[in-house]
Each structure stands twice: as structure tokens, then as C-alpha cells.
């Protein structure tokens, strides 16, 4: 089925318009719901545990639209709590200067915004690209600049 056909089928099954345009996602969710209706869905023990965890857990585990389970109107949406993203410790912060001596020549790299790096007046997309430009061979950029250790 095409995405448009799956979206129409979604509306027929769930009674609500589809919020996704991903064909595989729509197909899998519809297949699960049709199978659950035909064969009974999750075991009672699993349903009881999901009830303990709350509505969000139920919706994720059963792949159901929040209103697909019953005909009652959904509760008003509560604002989601602000999520603080944890910075990936492997990322090099903008402004960081990395230096390394290679064959007697000092290599000096400056980390830029957007995950890019400047070396010798040129902007590179990764440390590995700089390592290759310097050595002529493929290198793991984090290993070349001693930001990580080799596992042996």
C-alpha cells in the first residue's frame, strides 16, 4: 500500500488522522492493531504491568494511538517537562585547540561551531579528514589527536 492508502486505513482503524508519513511505521502499527484485535493483543499480566506504568507505557508497548483504546475523549495534553540534553563527552567543544607533532611538524587544529575543524586555513568536517590530509592515510581522528586510546 502507498503512504496515502495506509493513512486512509489508519483513519478507518483508529478513527483519527495519521500523524506519520513513514510507510513502514504506518504499516507496522496497523498490522499490530489488526492482529491484536483478531487475536486478543497482550497477555493480561503484561496489560496489568503497563497499567501500573501509566498511559504512555501502554501506548508505546501496544503501538496504539492514545485514543484507539476507547471512545472517551483524550485528556487535555499536559506540557512536557523541559528536557536537558546531556552533552556528548566525546565531542570537542568549539574553541578547543588541539595540537600534535607529526614528523617534526606541529599540527594545530581549532574546533569550530557545528562540529567542524580548522587546520592550516581550511575547514574540515572531521578530525579524521585532517589526519588523512596530514598523513595521506586513513586514521581515526580521535586516535590521531590522542583524544582516545587504542584498545588492544
Foldseek 3Di string as FASTA:
>chain_A
DALVVLQVVCCVQQVDGDPDSDPVLSVVLVVLSVCCVVPPHDDPVVVVVQVVVPQVSVCVVSVDDSCRVDPDDDDDDDDDDDDDDDDDVLQDDAQDWFWDADPNDIWIWGQHPPCWIDTPRDIGNHQQVVVCVVPVDGDDSCVRSVVDDDDD
